[in-house]
Amino acid sequence: RSLPFNQTLHLFNPWNENKPVKIGRDGQEIEPRCGEALCRLFPPDP
């Protein structure tokens, strides 16, 4: 499933210098609370 970047603009990753979550390299670690919020943005599976 895809998630448009504009739906993540409110999420910042403290483990990457508080940059928006859309900015990061492959394998970038995401702070757990931020990661949970990101996962909740995806639509549920049918």
Protein backbone atom coordinates (compact mmCIF):
# COMPACT_ATOMS: atom_id res chain seq x y z
CA ARG A 1 0.00 0.00 0.00
CA SER A 2 1.14 3.53 -0.61
CA LEU A 3 0.88 6.59 1.58
CA PRO A 4 1.19 10.08 0.09
CA PHE A 5 3.97 12.16 1.66
CA ASN A 6 1.53 14.99 2.35
CA GLN A 7 -0.17 12.79 4.97
CA THR A 8 3.10 12.56 6.94
CA LEU A 9 3.99 16.25 7.13
CA HIS A 10 3.19 16.40 10.86
CA LEU A 11 5.63 13.59 11.73
CA PHE A 12 9.25 14.33 12.65
CA ASN A 13 11.88 11.79 13.61
CA PRO A 14 13.93 12.71 16.70
CA TRP A 15 16.38 9.94 15.78
CA ASN A 16 17.21 11.79 12.55
CA GLU A 17 17.81 15.34 13.80
CA ASN A 18 14.02 15.97 13.97
CA LYS A 19 13.76 15.88 10.20
CA PRO A 20 10.40 14.97 8.64
CA VAL A 21 9.94 11.20 8.43
CA LYS A 22 9.89 11.41 4.63
CA ILE A 23 13.57 12.41 4.80
CA GLY A 24 15.91 9.54 5.55
CA ARG A 25 18.18 7.02 3.95
CA ASP A 26 17.39 3.36 3.43
CA GLY A 27 17.42 1.68 6.82
CA GLN A 28 16.90 4.92 8.76
CA GLU A 29 15.79 4.12 12.30
CA ILE A 30 12.56 5.80 13.40
CA GLU A 31 11.74 6.62 17.01
CA PRO A 32 9.09 4.10 18.16
CA ARG A 33 6.27 6.56 18.89
CA CYS A 34 6.85 8.27 15.56
CA GLY A 35 6.93 4.89 13.81
CA GLU A 36 3.66 3.86 15.44
CA ALA A 37 2.00 7.10 14.33
CA LEU A 38 3.33 6.51 10.81
CA CYS A 39 1.96 2.96 10.72
CA ARG A 40 -1.47 4.16 11.87
CA LEU A 41 -1.68 6.41 8.79
CA PHE A 42 -1.77 3.42 6.45
CA PRO A 43 -5.26 2.16 5.59
CA PRO A 44 -6.17 -1.16 7.21
CA ASP A 45 -6.01 -4.33 5.15
CA PRO A 46 -9.38 -5.51 3.86
